[in-house]
Structures are given as structure tokens and as C-alpha cells.
Amino acid sequence: MARQLEIEITESAEYLEKTLKQARSGSQKERLQMLWWFKIGQVRSHNELARRLARDPSTITRWLQKYRQQGLSGLLEIKKPPGQAPTITSERVISLTSYDFILEALFYAASM
């Protein structure tokens, strides 16, 4: 038998439900759903959460650990992936798209 989770969810069920409805990203919705299910008593075990969310139990463990350490804001934080910043400037992008528009217009006019 799976052991029961022992975690204190400080937010109210109403607040979690409201935040869940307003969440924009899928990852935030999953994490809020996890907390809400636990808060209202729909799930009691770690494995049941993993099964319901179709996630590996280690993922649930990481999420719960993050919630314990950083709270709701830490759990819902969306991190920017690492990588090099774009080297093309926004002005150059605008000029290129304007140039393409002019070429399309000329091509269209020539085909008439």
C-alpha cells in the first residue's frame, strides 16, 4: 500500500481553484491541479497523484519538494531556457519583413 502524503498546503481550496482557472500554461495548471486535489482530499498518496497526472513519481516528488521549499510562487515559476540571446536586432527584423512585403507586392503586380 502506498504511504500517504504528509504536506501542508497553506493556500485555501478556493484560492487554488481560482488560480487554476486563471492559469495560462499547462505546466502551471498541472501543478495547481496537484495541490488542489490534495487540499480537497481527492488524492492521498504520491502514486495516485502521479497516476492521475500521468507523470513519473519522481516528477511529483520534485514538485512537492519545490512547493515545500519555495511555496506556491516557486512551484509556478516559469524559467527562461538557457541559450544565446538573438543577435538580430528588432529594427533589422522589421526592415526584412518590409522588404519581403515589397517584393511580394511587385511580384503580384507583375503577374497581373
Protein backbone atom coordinates (compact mmCIF):
# COMPACT_ATOMS: atom_id res chain seq x y z
CA MET A 1 0.00 0.00 0.00
CA ALA A 2 1.26 3.47 -0.87
CA ARG A 3 2.13 5.73 2.01
CA GLN A 4 0.04 8.83 2.50
CA LEU A 5 1.46 12.23 1.70
CA GLU A 6 2.29 14.49 4.56
CA ILE A 7 2.34 18.04 3.30
CA GLU A 8 0.62 21.18 4.47
CA ILE A 9 -0.99 23.21 1.70
CA THR A 10 -1.18 26.75 3.07
CA GLU A 11 -3.47 28.15 0.37
CA SER A 12 -7.22 27.63 0.59
CA ALA A 13 -9.02 25.27 -1.78
CA GLU A 14 -10.98 28.25 -3.15
CA TYR A 15 -7.79 30.19 -3.89
CA LEU A 16 -6.20 27.18 -5.60
CA GLU A 17 -9.32 26.61 -7.71
CA LYS A 18 -9.48 30.28 -8.73
CA THR A 19 -5.77 30.33 -9.59
CA LEU A 20 -6.17 27.07 -11.53
CA LYS A 21 -8.91 28.60 -13.67
CA GLN A 22 -6.74 31.66 -14.39
CA ALA A 23 -3.51 29.74 -15.12
CA ARG A 24 -2.22 30.20 -18.63
CA SER A 25 0.37 27.47 -19.08
CA GLY A 26 -0.17 23.75 -18.96
CA SER A 27 2.66 23.20 -16.50
CA GLN A 28 1.14 25.67 -14.05
CA LYS A 29 -2.27 24.04 -14.40
CA GLU A 30 -0.83 20.59 -13.66
CA ARG A 31 0.92 21.79 -10.54
CA LEU A 32 -2.11 23.70 -9.28
CA GLN A 33 -4.33 20.69 -10.00
CA MET A 34 -2.00 18.54 -7.91
CA LEU A 35 -2.22 20.89 -4.93
CA TRP A 36 -5.98 21.36 -5.29
CA TRP A 37 -6.67 17.60 -5.42
CA PHE A 38 -4.58 17.11 -2.32
CA LYS A 39 -6.18 20.05 -0.50
CA ILE A 40 -9.76 18.87 -1.11
CA GLY A 41 -8.89 15.26 -0.27
CA GLN A 42 -9.37 13.67 -3.68
CA VAL A 43 -5.91 12.12 -3.50
CA ARG A 44 -3.97 10.85 -0.53
CA SER A 45 -0.93 9.14 -1.97
CA HIS A 46 2.07 10.10 -4.03
CA ASN A 47 1.46 7.31 -6.56
CA GLU A 48 -2.16 8.30 -7.02
CA LEU A 49 -1.08 11.86 -7.89
CA ALA A 50 1.47 10.51 -10.37
CA ARG A 51 -1.14 8.23 -11.96
CA ARG A 52 -3.79 10.95 -12.25
CA LEU A 53 -1.37 13.44 -13.79
CA ALA A 54 0.30 10.78 -15.98
CA ARG A 55 3.67 11.80 -14.56
CA ASP A 56 6.56 9.85 -13.15
CA PRO A 57 6.52 9.72 -9.35
CA SER A 58 9.94 11.42 -9.29
CA THR A 59 8.36 14.44 -11.01
CA ILE A 60 5.70 14.65 -8.31
CA THR A 61 8.44 14.39 -5.68
CA ARG A 62 10.34 17.30 -7.28
CA TRP A 63 7.20 19.45 -7.47
CA LEU A 64 6.27 18.79 -3.85
CA GLN A 65 9.81 19.47 -2.70
CA LYS A 66 9.80 22.75 -4.59
CA TYR A 67 6.47 23.69 -3.00
CA ARG A 68 7.80 22.89 0.47
CA GLN A 69 10.93 24.98 -0.07
CA GLN A 70 9.68 27.92 -2.15
CA GLY A 71 5.91 27.97 -1.76
CA LEU A 72 3.35 28.42 -4.49
CA SER A 73 5.26 31.16 -6.31
CA GLY A 74 8.36 28.95 -6.58
CA LEU A 75 6.30 25.99 -7.79
CA LEU A 76 4.62 28.06 -10.51
CA GLU A 77 7.73 29.94 -11.63
CA ILE A 78 8.34 29.71 -15.36
CA LYS A 79 12.03 29.67 -16.09
CA LYS A 80 13.52 31.05 -19.27
CA PRO A 81 15.53 28.35 -21.05
CA PRO A 82 19.26 28.98 -21.34
CA GLY A 83 20.80 29.89 -24.62
CA GLN A 84 22.34 32.66 -26.61
CA ALA A 85 20.37 35.85 -26.98
CA PRO A 86 19.21 36.65 -30.52
CA THR A 87 21.86 38.54 -32.46
CA ILE A 88 19.48 40.13 -34.96
CA THR A 89 18.01 43.43 -33.86
CA SER A 90 14.30 44.19 -33.92
CA GLU A 91 14.95 47.02 -36.41
CA ARG A 92 16.56 44.53 -38.79
CA VAL A 93 13.62 42.13 -38.48
CA ILE A 94 11.23 44.98 -39.34
CA SER A 95 13.31 46.02 -42.32
CA LEU A 96 13.49 42.44 -43.61
CA THR A 97 9.75 41.89 -43.28
CA SER A 98 9.12 45.24 -45.01
CA TYR A 99 11.48 44.20 -47.83
CA ASP A 100 9.64 40.88 -48.25
CA PHE A 101 6.31 42.72 -48.37
CA ILE A 102 7.59 45.00 -51.17
CA LEU A 103 8.89 42.01 -53.16
CA GLU A 104 5.56 40.21 -52.81
CA ALA A 105 3.70 43.31 -53.97
CA LEU A 106 5.99 43.70 -57.00
CA PHE A 107 5.66 40.02 -57.87
CA TYR A 108 1.87 40.21 -57.58
CA ALA A 109 1.74 43.35 -59.75
CA ALA A 110 3.98 41.77 -62.39
CA SER A 111 1.81 38.66 -62.59
CA MET A 112 -1.35 40.66 -63.40
